[in-house]
Amino acid sequence: MMFSSHTGLHVHLHRFLLLCSAGLLLVFGACSGPRSVPAADDAANPLPQDAVQLEALAWAHGFNRITDLHATASGQVYVVDAGRHHVIRLGENGVRIDSTGGRGTRPNQFDRPTHVYASNDLQIFVSDSGNRRIVQFDRHWQHLGYLDIPSVSYTPGALTQTMLAELVFWDERSSGLMKTRADFSADPLFRPDVSAITGTVVALQHLGRTMWVAEERGVLHRYAPGGGYLGFLAGYGPVMDAAAGGDNLFLLRNDGKVLRLSTSGAVEHVLQLDVPGRLQALTWQNGYLIVADAATMYRVALPE
């Protein structure tokens, strides 16, 4: 695996206080569904804009179908290739370190995995969607166990981890949020209100002590550490993925734009990534963004 320079990536940076997307303003809500109001006319209220060409590095590894990326503090990047039923670990420089997988039901096999989370490279959790299980590995890909919830069959999707090393994931089967204790046993007392989540969940991210649940339709739901619902924000446009890094939340839209949000949900910058394929996954890597289409990954240096 080689790092190669990719100069065809242009990023147009727009400094917005709030995002005007398809004539909508971001709106906060708590109990009812997402709402929107007409946006002010941009021509009457011009916003400063800068066009910046950023260097990007491309990993053209010929993946089959990338569905998720996760970078750790060390800079290592975990890639879920659902098409080949593998999870691959790359070094900070893009060189392949190792991998595990292959289609099947054995401990180190998967059936259409969707998401991965690595806790400081020491423990790795994989949403093995087709086998309806979450698999836990150590840093050497030694199998540590499965999440077993008595009398419950679940289909794991997006996942994240709290500051207390509790794993939180979206259950596609029940359309609900579930959580484990630090010892990887299910927490039966965690029952957050998910009635406001009505679309497809594409990502879970923690920014500070707040957990953000991103819906494909461009709605963000916020939860307190104990699972209390803090409300929603809407109007971001269709979202493919989300990633937290530094003091920001990044949203990857289906039109190739990446929105950089503050901790309040306000859009600070909009980046247009011009790449050949349709981007569908991203992660934050120590000041960079890693984005991917189905077969190729790119590293993007963020502007100041």
C-alpha atoms as a PDB file:
ATOM      1  CA  MET A   1       0.000   0.000   0.000  1.00  0.00           C
ATOM      2  CA  MET A   2       1.474   3.300  -1.063  1.00  0.00           C
ATOM      3  CA  PHE A   3       0.652   6.919  -0.350  1.00  0.00           C
ATOM      4  CA  SER A   4       0.396   8.909  -3.567  1.00  0.00           C
ATOM      5  CA  SER A   5      -0.147  12.614  -4.059  1.00  0.00           C
ATOM      6  CA  HIS A   6      -3.566  13.583  -5.409  1.00  0.00           C
ATOM      7  CA  THR A   7      -3.761  17.147  -6.648  1.00  0.00           C
ATOM      8  CA  GLY A   8      -7.227  17.093  -8.171  1.00  0.00           C
ATOM      9  CA  LEU A   9      -8.995  17.797  -4.894  1.00  0.00           C
ATOM     10  CA  HIS A  10     -10.356  21.307  -4.544  1.00  0.00           C
ATOM     11  CA  VAL A  11     -11.956  22.540  -1.384  1.00  0.00           C
ATOM     12  CA  HIS A  12     -14.104  25.630  -1.428  1.00  0.00           C
ATOM     13  CA  LEU A  13     -14.390  27.101   2.016  1.00  0.00           C
ATOM     14  CA  HIS A  14     -17.437  29.140   2.967  1.00  0.00           C
ATOM     15  CA  ARG A  15     -17.573  30.891   6.320  1.00  0.00           C
ATOM     16  CA  PHE A  16     -21.168  30.669   7.519  1.00  0.00           C
ATOM     17  CA  LEU A  17     -22.649  31.415  10.916  1.00  0.00           C
ATOM     18  CA  LEU A  18     -25.618  29.259   9.996  1.00  0.00           C
ATOM     19  CA  LEU A  19     -26.034  26.974   7.024  1.00  0.00           C
ATOM     20  CA  CYS A  20     -28.646  27.921   4.448  1.00  0.00           C
ATOM     21  CA  SER A  21     -29.364  24.591   2.779  1.00  0.00           C
ATOM     22  CA  ALA A  22     -32.092  24.314   0.157  1.00  0.00           C
ATOM     23  CA  GLY A  23     -33.723  27.439   1.556  1.00  0.00           C
ATOM     24  CA  LEU A  24     -33.767  26.247   5.164  1.00  0.00           C
ATOM     25  CA  LEU A  25     -32.231  27.569   8.344  1.00  0.00           C
ATOM     26  CA  LEU A  26     -31.057  25.318  11.157  1.00  0.00           C
ATOM     27  CA  VAL A  27     -33.752  25.034  13.795  1.00  0.00           C
ATOM     28  CA  PHE A  28     -33.520  23.688  17.331  1.00  0.00           C
ATOM     29  CA  GLY A  29     -36.269  21.472  18.707  1.00  0.00           C
ATOM     30  CA  ALA A  30     -37.001  19.226  21.649  1.00  0.00           C
ATOM     31  CA  CYS A  31     -40.281  17.378  21.609  1.00  0.00           C
ATOM     32  CA  SER A  32     -41.772  17.537  18.125  1.00  0.00           C
ATOM     33  CA  GLY A  33     -40.357  16.595  14.726  1.00  0.00           C
ATOM     34  CA  PRO A  34     -37.846  18.754  12.833  1.00  0.00           C
ATOM     35  CA  ARG A  35     -39.060  22.162  11.740  1.00  0.00           C
ATOM     36  CA  SER A  36     -37.755  24.702   9.248  1.00  0.00           C
ATOM     37  CA  VAL A  37     -38.259  28.355   8.354  1.00  0.00           C
ATOM     38  CA  PRO A  38     -37.469  30.277   5.163  1.00  0.00           C
ATOM     39  CA  ALA A  39     -33.869  31.432   4.912  1.00  0.00           C
ATOM     40  CA  ALA A  40     -32.846  35.038   4.380  1.00  0.00           C
ATOM     41  CA  ASP A  41     -31.891  35.974   0.834  1.00  0.00           C
ATOM     42  CA  ASP A  42     -28.130  35.413   0.432  1.00  0.00           C
ATOM     43  CA  ALA A  43     -27.816  38.176  -2.160  1.00  0.00           C
ATOM     44  CA  ALA A  44     -29.176  40.666   0.333  1.00  0.00           C
ATOM     45  CA  ASN A  45     -26.966  39.298   3.100  1.00  0.00           C
ATOM     46  CA  PRO A  46     -23.641  38.408   1.450  1.00  0.00           C
ATOM     47  CA  LEU A  47     -21.360  36.111   3.405  1.00  0.00           C
ATOM     48  CA  PRO A  48     -17.563  36.094   3.107  1.00  0.00           C
ATOM     49  CA  GLN A  49     -16.322  33.211   0.971  1.00  0.00           C
ATOM     50  CA  ASP A  50     -12.869  31.857   0.173  1.00  0.00           C
ATOM     51  CA  ALA A  51     -11.851  29.280  -2.401  1.00  0.00           C
ATOM     52  CA  VAL A  52      -8.892  27.222  -1.202  1.00  0.00           C
ATOM     53  CA  GLN A  53      -7.065  24.450  -3.018  1.00  0.00           C
ATOM     54  CA  LEU A  54      -5.894  21.861  -0.515  1.00  0.00           C
ATOM     55  CA  GLU A  55      -3.427  19.066  -0.990  1.00  0.00           C
ATOM     56  CA  ALA A  56      -4.879  15.582  -0.623  1.00  0.00           C
ATOM     57  CA  LEU A  57      -3.294  12.190  -0.391  1.00  0.00           C
ATOM     58  CA  ALA A  58      -5.073   9.247  -1.999  1.00  0.00           C
ATOM     59  CA  TRP A  59      -4.956   5.600  -1.005  1.00  0.00           C
ATOM     60  CA  ALA A  60      -6.105   3.725  -4.127  1.00  0.00           C
ATOM     61  CA  HIS A  61      -6.231   0.293  -2.562  1.00  0.00           C
ATOM     62  CA  GLY A  62      -9.048  -1.130  -4.626  1.00  0.00           C
ATOM     63  CA  PHE A  63     -11.431  -1.694  -1.750  1.00  0.00           C
ATOM     64  CA  ASN A  64     -14.720  -3.290  -2.692  1.00  0.00           C
ATOM     65  CA  ARG A  65     -17.271  -1.343  -0.611  1.00  0.00           C
ATOM     66  CA  ILE A  66     -16.081   0.881   2.233  1.00  0.00           C
ATOM     67  CA  THR A  67     -18.869   1.508   4.742  1.00  0.00           C
ATOM     68  CA  ASP A  68     -17.028   3.031   7.715  1.00  0.00           C
ATOM     69  CA  LEU A  69     -13.755   4.621   8.826  1.00  0.00           C
ATOM     70  CA  HIS A  70     -12.420   5.156  12.317  1.00  0.00           C
ATOM     71  CA  ALA A  71      -9.143   6.862  13.265  1.00  0.00           C
ATOM     72  CA  THR A  72      -7.625   6.651  16.741  1.00  0.00           C
ATOM     73  CA  ALA A  73      -5.423   9.136  18.614  1.00  0.00           C
ATOM     74  CA  SER A  74      -2.338   7.248  17.402  1.00  0.00           C
ATOM     75  CA  GLY A  75      -3.299   8.028  13.808  1.00  0.00           C
ATOM     76  CA  GLN A  76      -4.143   4.468  12.865  1.00  0.00           C
ATOM     77  CA  VAL A  77      -7.191   4.126  10.603  1.00  0.00           C
ATOM     78  CA  TYR A  78      -9.640   1.214  10.671  1.00  0.00           C
ATOM     79  CA  VAL A  79     -11.518   0.554   7.440  1.00  0.00           C
ATOM     80  CA  VAL A  80     -14.662  -1.562   7.093  1.00  0.00           C
ATOM     81  CA  ASP A  81     -14.811  -3.174   3.653  1.00  0.00           C
ATOM     82  CA  ALA A  82     -18.288  -4.684   3.688  1.00  0.00           C
ATOM     83  CA  GLY A  83     -17.900  -5.977   0.149  1.00  0.00           C
ATOM     84  CA  ARG A  84     -15.057  -8.248   1.208  1.00  0.00           C
ATOM     85  CA  HIS A  85     -16.312  -8.774   4.791  1.00  0.00           C
ATOM     86  CA  HIS A  86     -13.019  -7.453   6.208  1.00  0.00           C
ATOM     87  CA  VAL A  87     -11.781  -4.819   8.631  1.00  0.00           C
ATOM     88  CA  ILE A  88      -8.359  -3.410   7.715  1.00  0.00           C
ATOM     89  CA  ARG A  89      -5.968  -1.438   9.912  1.00  0.00           C
ATOM     90  CA  LEU A  90      -3.739   1.191   8.287  1.00  0.00           C
ATOM     91  CA  GLY A  91      -0.872   3.146   9.798  1.00  0.00           C
ATOM     92  CA  GLU A  92      -0.887   6.928   9.944  1.00  0.00           C
ATOM     93  CA  ASN A  93       1.025   7.021   6.663  1.00  0.00           C
ATOM     94  CA  GLY A  94      -1.525   4.809   4.913  1.00  0.00           C
ATOM     95  CA  VAL A  95       0.513   1.599   4.952  1.00  0.00           C
ATOM     96  CA  ARG A  96      -1.500  -1.536   5.663  1.00  0.00           C
ATOM     97  CA  ILE A  97      -0.699  -3.030   9.088  1.00  0.00           C
ATOM     98  CA  ASP A  98      -3.053  -5.995   9.266  1.00  0.00           C
ATOM     99  CA  SER A  99      -6.659  -7.092   8.889  1.00  0.00           C
ATOM    100  CA  THR A 100      -9.185  -9.705   9.873  1.00  0.00           C
ATOM    101  CA  GLY A 101     -12.324 -11.101   8.324  1.00  0.00           C
ATOM    102  CA  GLY A 102     -13.712 -13.180   5.502  1.00  0.00           C
ATOM    103  CA  ARG A 103     -17.334 -14.175   5.144  1.00  0.00           C
ATOM    104  CA  GLY A 104     -18.639 -16.612   7.746  1.00  0.00           C
ATOM    105  CA  THR A 105     -19.792 -17.053  11.326  1.00  0.00           C
ATOM    106  CA  ARG A 106     -16.515 -17.923  13.045  1.00  0.00           C
ATOM    107  CA  PRO A 107     -15.067 -15.514  15.644  1.00  0.00           C
ATOM    108  CA  ASN A 108     -12.799 -13.732  13.120  1.00  0.00           C
ATOM    109  CA  GLN A 109     -15.289 -13.765  10.270  1.00  0.00           C
ATOM    110  CA  PHE A 110     -18.053 -11.331   9.347  1.00  0.00           C
ATOM    111  CA  ASP A 111     -21.156 -11.106   7.231  1.00  0.00           C
ATOM    112  CA  ARG A 112     -21.524  -7.603   5.791  1.00  0.00           C
ATOM    113  CA  PRO A 113     -19.910  -5.635   8.635  1.00  0.00           C
ATOM    114  CA  THR A 114     -20.993  -1.995   8.728  1.00  0.00           C
ATOM    115  CA  HIS A 115     -19.118  -0.084  11.448  1.00  0.00           C
ATOM    116  CA  VAL A 116     -15.978  -0.227  13.577  1.00  0.00           C
ATOM    117  CA  TYR A 117     -14.804   1.508  16.748  1.00  0.00           C
ATOM    118  CA  ALA A 118     -11.303   1.148  18.212  1.00  0.00           C
ATOM    119  CA  SER A 119     -10.696   2.268  21.779  1.00  0.00           C
ATOM    120  CA  ASN A 120      -7.134   3.674  21.749  1.00  0.00           C
ATOM    121  CA  ASP A 121      -6.120   0.714  19.555  1.00  0.00           C
ATOM    122  CA  LEU A 122      -6.490  -1.588  22.587  1.00  0.00           C
ATOM    123  CA  GLN A 123      -9.997  -2.902  22.002  1.00  0.00           C
ATOM    124  CA  ILE A 124     -11.763  -3.069  18.653  1.00  0.00           C
ATOM    125  CA  PHE A 125     -15.521  -3.431  18.216  1.00  0.00           C
ATOM    126  CA  VAL A 126     -17.144  -4.396  14.917  1.00  0.00           C
ATOM    127  CA  SER A 127     -20.826  -4.223  14.015  1.00  0.00           C
ATOM    128  CA  ASP A 128     -21.255  -7.583  12.275  1.00  0.00           C
ATOM    129  CA  SER A 129     -24.634  -6.779  10.788  1.00  0.00           C
ATOM    130  CA  GLY A 130     -25.302  -9.967   8.816  1.00  0.00           C
ATOM    131  CA  ASN A 131     -24.492 -12.159  11.829  1.00  0.00           C
ATOM    132  CA  ARG A 132     -26.454  -9.835  14.147  1.00  0.00           C
ATOM    133  CA  ARG A 133     -23.685  -9.386  16.683  1.00  0.00           C
ATOM    134  CA  ILE A 134     -21.026  -6.987  17.913  1.00  0.00           C
ATOM    135  CA  VAL A 135     -17.596  -8.629  17.998  1.00  0.00           C
ATOM    136  CA  GLN A 136     -14.873  -7.561  20.423  1.00  0.00           C
ATOM    137  CA  PHE A 137     -11.148  -7.970  19.639  1.00  0.00           C
ATOM    138  CA  ASP A 138      -7.905  -7.002  21.309  1.00  0.00           C
ATOM    139  CA  ARG A 139      -5.251  -5.015  19.443  1.00  0.00           C
ATOM    140  CA  HIS A 140      -3.829  -8.231  17.926  1.00  0.00           C
ATOM    141  CA  TRP A 141      -7.263  -9.198  16.521  1.00  0.00           C
ATOM    142  CA  GLN A 142      -7.615 -11.915  19.130  1.00  0.00           C
ATOM    143  CA  HIS A 143     -11.306 -12.587  19.637  1.00  0.00           C
ATOM    144  CA  LEU A 144     -12.516 -11.493  23.093  1.00  0.00           C
ATOM    145  CA  GLY A 145     -16.224 -12.147  22.797  1.00  0.00           C
ATOM    146  CA  TYR A 146     -19.631 -11.108  21.489  1.00  0.00           C
ATOM    147  CA  LEU A 147     -22.182  -8.787  23.006  1.00  0.00           C
ATOM    148  CA  ASP A 148     -24.896 -11.075  24.300  1.00  0.00           C
ATOM    149  CA  ILE A 149     -28.184  -9.521  25.395  1.00  0.00           C
ATOM    150  CA  PRO A 150     -30.422 -12.146  27.045  1.00  0.00           C
ATOM    151  CA  SER A 151     -33.686 -12.737  25.175  1.00  0.00           C
ATOM    152  CA  VAL A 152     -32.863  -9.960  22.692  1.00  0.00           C
ATOM    153  CA  SER A 153     -31.951 -10.327  19.026  1.00  0.00           C
ATOM    154  CA  TYR A 154     -30.333  -7.190  17.633  1.00  0.00           C
ATOM    155  CA  THR A 155     -28.824  -5.926  14.370  1.00  0.00           C
ATOM    156  CA  PRO A 156     -26.032  -3.466  15.183  1.00  0.00           C
ATOM    157  CA  GLY A 157     -25.342  -0.383  13.106  1.00  0.00           C
ATOM    158  CA  ALA A 158     -23.445   2.780  13.987  1.00  0.00           C
ATOM    159  CA  LEU A 159     -21.531   2.717  17.260  1.00  0.00           C
ATOM    160  CA  THR A 160     -19.422   4.906  19.522  1.00  0.00           C
ATOM    161  CA  GLN A 161     -17.954   4.879  23.032  1.00  0.00           C
ATOM    162  CA  THR A 162     -18.524   7.137  26.024  1.00  0.00           C
ATOM    163  CA  MET A 163     -15.837   8.686  28.210  1.00  0.00           C
ATOM    164  CA  LEU A 164     -16.490   5.827  30.673  1.00  0.00           C
ATOM    165  CA  ALA A 165     -15.629   3.166  28.043  1.00  0.00           C
ATOM    166  CA  GLU A 166     -19.292   2.232  27.559  1.00  0.00           C
ATOM    167  CA  LEU A 167     -20.177   1.188  24.024  1.00  0.00           C
ATOM    168  CA  VAL A 168     -23.326   2.778  22.561  1.00  0.00           C
ATOM    169  CA  PHE A 169     -24.843   1.510  19.330  1.00  0.00           C
ATOM    170  CA  TRP A 170     -27.894   1.878  17.130  1.00  0.00           C
ATOM    171  CA  ASP A 171     -29.979  -1.276  16.829  1.00  0.00           C
ATOM    172  CA  GLU A 172     -31.443  -1.464  13.334  1.00  0.00           C
ATOM    173  CA  ARG A 173     -33.830  -4.229  14.386  1.00  0.00           C
ATOM    174  CA  SER A 174     -35.615  -2.320  17.152  1.00  0.00           C
ATOM    175  CA  SER A 175     -34.732   1.203  15.908  1.00  0.00           C
ATOM    176  CA  GLY A 176     -33.311   2.054  19.312  1.00  0.00           C
ATOM    177  CA  LEU A 177     -30.144   2.972  21.172  1.00  0.00           C
ATOM    178  CA  MET A 178     -28.411   0.361  23.321  1.00  0.00           C
ATOM    179  CA  LYS A 179     -25.439   0.594  25.645  1.00  0.00           C
ATOM    180  CA  THR A 180     -22.957  -1.723  27.321  1.00  0.00           C
ATOM    181  CA  ARG A 181     -21.182  -1.347  30.607  1.00  0.00           C
ATOM    182  CA  ALA A 182     -17.400  -0.998  30.648  1.00  0.00           C
ATOM    183  CA  ASP A 183     -17.123  -4.794  31.003  1.00  0.00           C
ATOM    184  CA  PHE A 184     -18.990  -5.250  27.655  1.00  0.00           C
ATOM    185  CA  SER A 185     -22.174  -6.524  29.279  1.00  0.00           C
ATOM    186  CA  ALA A 186     -25.523  -5.034  28.279  1.00  0.00           C
ATOM    187  CA  ASP A 187     -26.913  -2.164  30.373  1.00  0.00           C
ATOM    188  CA  PRO A 188     -30.650  -2.895  30.807  1.00  0.00           C
ATOM    189  CA  LEU A 189     -31.264   0.482  32.507  1.00  0.00           C
ATOM    190  CA  PHE A 190     -30.233   2.507  29.453  1.00  0.00           C
ATOM    191  CA  ARG A 191     -33.526   3.333  27.747  1.00  0.00           C
ATOM    192  CA  PRO A 192     -33.271   6.708  25.985  1.00  0.00           C
ATOM    193  CA  ASP A 193     -36.243   8.259  24.232  1.00  0.00           C
ATOM    194  CA  VAL A 194     -35.774   7.740  20.484  1.00  0.00           C
ATOM    195  CA  SER A 195     -39.285   8.691  19.385  1.00  0.00           C
ATOM    196  CA  ALA A 196     -37.962  11.752  17.512  1.00  0.00           C
ATOM    197  CA  ILE A 197     -35.612   9.600  15.402  1.00  0.00           C
ATOM    198  CA  THR A 198     -37.704   8.595  12.413  1.00  0.00           C
ATOM    199  CA  GLY A 199     -35.121   8.190   9.630  1.00  0.00           C
ATOM    200  CA  THR A 200     -32.047   6.083   8.893  1.00  0.00           C
ATOM    201  CA  VAL A 201     -29.255   6.546  11.462  1.00  0.00           C
ATOM    202  CA  VAL A 202     -25.853   6.869   9.770  1.00  0.00           C
ATOM    203  CA  ALA A 203     -23.537   7.797  12.655  1.00  0.00           C
ATOM    204  CA  LEU A 204     -23.132   8.145  16.417  1.00  0.00           C
ATOM    205  CA  GLN A 205     -20.467  10.524  17.711  1.00  0.00           C
ATOM    206  CA  HIS A 206     -19.421  11.960  21.054  1.00  0.00           C
ATOM    207  CA  LEU A 207     -18.390  15.611  21.190  1.00  0.00           C
ATOM    208  CA  GLY A 208     -17.459  16.422  24.758  1.00  0.00           C
ATOM    209  CA  ARG A 209     -20.074  14.836  26.991  1.00  0.00           C
ATOM    210  CA  THR A 210     -22.838  15.043  24.386  1.00  0.00           C
ATOM    211  CA  MET A 211     -23.694  12.173  22.065  1.00  0.00           C
ATOM    212  CA  TRP A 212     -24.852  13.137  18.579  1.00  0.00           C
ATOM    213  CA  VAL A 213     -27.051  10.846  16.503  1.00  0.00           C
ATOM    214  CA  ALA A 214     -26.996  11.718  12.797  1.00  0.00           C
ATOM    215  CA  GLU A 215     -29.894  10.831  10.538  1.00  0.00           C
ATOM    216  CA  GLU A 216     -29.523  10.440   6.791  1.00  0.00           C
ATOM    217  CA  ARG A 217     -32.165  13.118   6.196  1.00  0.00           C
ATOM    218  CA  GLY A 218     -29.960  15.774   7.830  1.00  0.00           C
ATOM    219  CA  VAL A 219     -31.261  15.811  11.404  1.00  0.00           C
ATOM    220  CA  LEU A 220     -28.972  15.680  14.442  1.00  0.00           C
ATOM    221  CA  HIS A 221     -30.261  14.458  17.813  1.00  0.00           C
ATOM    222  CA  ARG A 222     -28.380  15.197  21.029  1.00  0.00           C
ATOM    223  CA  TYR A 223     -28.245  13.085  24.187  1.00  0.00           C
ATOM    224  CA  ALA A 224     -26.825  13.616  27.665  1.00  0.00           C
ATOM    225  CA  PRO A 225     -24.407  11.016  29.120  1.00  0.00           C
ATOM    226  CA  GLY A 226     -27.221   9.212  30.933  1.00  0.00           C
ATOM    227  CA  GLY A 227     -29.398   9.035  27.826  1.00  0.00           C
ATOM    228  CA  GLY A 228     -31.564  12.088  28.411  1.00  0.00           C
ATOM    229  CA  TYR A 229     -32.807  13.641  25.184  1.00  0.00           C
ATOM    230  CA  LEU A 230     -31.505  17.188  24.646  1.00  0.00           C
ATOM    231  CA  GLY A 231     -33.289  18.026  21.390  1.00  0.00           C
ATOM    232  CA  PHE A 232     -32.529  18.093  17.695  1.00  0.00           C
ATOM    233  CA  LEU A 233     -31.126  20.307  14.960  1.00  0.00           C
ATOM    234  CA  ALA A 234     -32.349  20.146  11.359  1.00  0.00           C
ATOM    235  CA  GLY A 235     -31.592  21.608   7.950  1.00  0.00           C
ATOM    236  CA  TYR A 236     -28.135  20.219   7.168  1.00  0.00           C
ATOM    237  CA  GLY A 237     -29.153  18.428   3.978  1.00  0.00           C
ATOM    238  CA  PRO A 238     -28.813  14.668   3.298  1.00  0.00           C
ATOM    239  CA  VAL A 239     -25.983  13.209   5.412  1.00  0.00           C
ATOM    240  CA  MET A 240     -23.824  10.182   4.612  1.00  0.00           C
ATOM    241  CA  ASP A 241     -21.618  10.121   7.740  1.00  0.00           C
ATOM    242  CA  ALA A 242     -20.397  12.153  10.704  1.00  0.00           C
ATOM    243  CA  ALA A 243     -17.151  12.404  12.675  1.00  0.00           C
ATOM    244  CA  ALA A 244     -16.021  14.254  15.792  1.00  0.00           C
ATOM    245  CA  GLY A 245     -12.591  15.813  16.092  1.00  0.00           C
ATOM    246  CA  GLY A 246     -11.106  18.544  18.230  1.00  0.00           C
ATOM    247  CA  ASP A 247     -13.977  20.864  19.141  1.00  0.00           C
ATOM    248  CA  ASN A 248     -15.933  20.171  15.972  1.00  0.00           C
ATOM    249  CA  LEU A 249     -18.434  17.793  14.470  1.00  0.00           C
ATOM    250  CA  PHE A 250     -18.031  17.094  10.746  1.00  0.00           C
ATOM    251  CA  LEU A 251     -20.922  16.048   8.512  1.00  0.00           C
ATOM    252  CA  LEU A 252     -20.388  14.450   5.107  1.00  0.00           C
ATOM    253  CA  ARG A 253     -23.293  15.258   2.797  1.00  0.00           C
ATOM    254  CA  ASN A 254     -24.324  13.231  -0.226  1.00  0.00           C
ATOM    255  CA  ASP A 255     -23.312  16.084  -2.555  1.00  0.00           C
ATOM    256  CA  GLY A 256     -19.645  15.860  -1.506  1.00  0.00           C
ATOM    257  CA  LYS A 257     -19.755  18.803   0.887  1.00  0.00           C
ATOM    258  CA  VAL A 258     -18.319  18.506   4.404  1.00  0.00           C
ATOM    259  CA  LEU A 259     -19.834  20.763   7.065  1.00  0.00           C
ATOM    260  CA  ARG A 260     -17.728  21.742  10.052  1.00  0.00           C
ATOM    261  CA  LEU A 261     -19.977  22.386  13.058  1.00  0.00           C
ATOM    262  CA  SER A 262     -19.299  24.000  16.409  1.00  0.00           C
ATOM    263  CA  THR A 263     -20.328  22.351  19.665  1.00  0.00           C
ATOM    264  CA  SER A 264     -23.623  24.248  19.424  1.00  0.00           C
ATOM    265  CA  GLY A 265     -24.354  22.820  15.977  1.00  0.00           C
ATOM    266  CA  ALA A 266     -23.720  26.054  14.062  1.00  0.00           C
ATOM    267  CA  VAL A 267     -21.992  25.557  10.703  1.00  0.00           C
ATOM    268  CA  GLU A 268     -18.582  27.225  10.743  1.00  0.00           C
ATOM    269  CA  HIS A 269     -17.269  26.133   7.339  1.00  0.00           C
ATOM    270  CA  VAL A 270     -18.443  24.300   4.248  1.00  0.00           C
ATOM    271  CA  LEU A 271     -15.874  22.344   2.254  1.00  0.00           C
ATOM    272  CA  GLN A 272     -16.556  21.096  -1.263  1.00  0.00           C
ATOM    273  CA  LEU A 273     -14.542  17.947  -2.020  1.00  0.00           C
ATOM    274  CA  ASP A 274     -14.202  17.321  -5.748  1.00  0.00           C
ATOM    275  CA  VAL A 275     -13.357  13.630  -6.123  1.00  0.00           C
ATOM    276  CA  PRO A 276     -14.380  11.175  -8.845  1.00  0.00           C
ATOM    277  CA  GLY A 277     -16.467   8.816  -6.702  1.00  0.00           C
ATOM    278  CA  ARG A 278     -19.373   9.442  -4.362  1.00  0.00           C
ATOM    279  CA  LEU A 279     -18.024   9.966  -0.864  1.00  0.00           C
ATOM    280  CA  GLN A 280     -19.767   7.940   1.809  1.00  0.00           C
ATOM    281  CA  ALA A 281     -17.540   7.747   4.905  1.00  0.00           C
ATOM    282  CA  LEU A 282     -15.253  10.021   6.892  1.00  0.00           C
ATOM    283  CA  THR A 283     -13.215  10.198  10.082  1.00  0.00           C
ATOM    284  CA  TRP A 284     -11.025  12.785  11.822  1.00  0.00           C
ATOM    285  CA  GLN A 285      -7.305  12.038  12.105  1.00  0.00           C
ATOM    286  CA  ASN A 286      -5.316  14.483  14.258  1.00  0.00           C
ATOM    287  CA  GLY A 287      -6.150  17.642  12.327  1.00  0.00           C
ATOM    288  CA  TYR A 288      -6.958  15.952   9.011  1.00  0.00           C
ATOM    289  CA  LEU A 289     -10.095  14.457   7.546  1.00  0.00           C
ATOM    290  CA  ILE A 290     -10.033  11.000   6.000  1.00  0.00           C
ATOM    291  CA  VAL A 291     -12.836  10.536   3.485  1.00  0.00           C
ATOM    292  CA  ALA A 292     -13.703   7.577   1.263  1.00  0.00           C
ATOM    293  CA  ASP A 293     -15.878   6.502  -1.581  1.00  0.00           C
ATOM    294  CA  ALA A 294     -16.546   2.792  -2.119  1.00  0.00           C
ATOM    295  CA  ALA A 295     -12.995   1.965  -3.230  1.00  0.00           C
ATOM    296  CA  THR A 296     -10.638   4.887  -2.485  1.00  0.00           C
ATOM    297  CA  MET A 297      -9.580   6.910   0.555  1.00  0.00           C
ATOM    298  CA  TYR A 298      -8.345  10.506   0.673  1.00  0.00           C
ATOM    299  CA  ARG A 299      -6.656  12.558   3.381  1.00  0.00           C
ATOM    300  CA  VAL A 300      -7.619  16.238   3.457  1.00  0.00           C
ATOM    301  CA  ALA A 301      -5.711  18.916   5.336  1.00  0.00           C
ATOM    302  CA  LEU A 302      -8.193  21.199   7.088  1.00  0.00           C
ATOM    303  CA  PRO A 303      -7.821  24.985   6.800  1.00  0.00           C
ATOM    304  CA  GLU A 304      -7.124  26.986   9.920  1.00  0.00           C
END
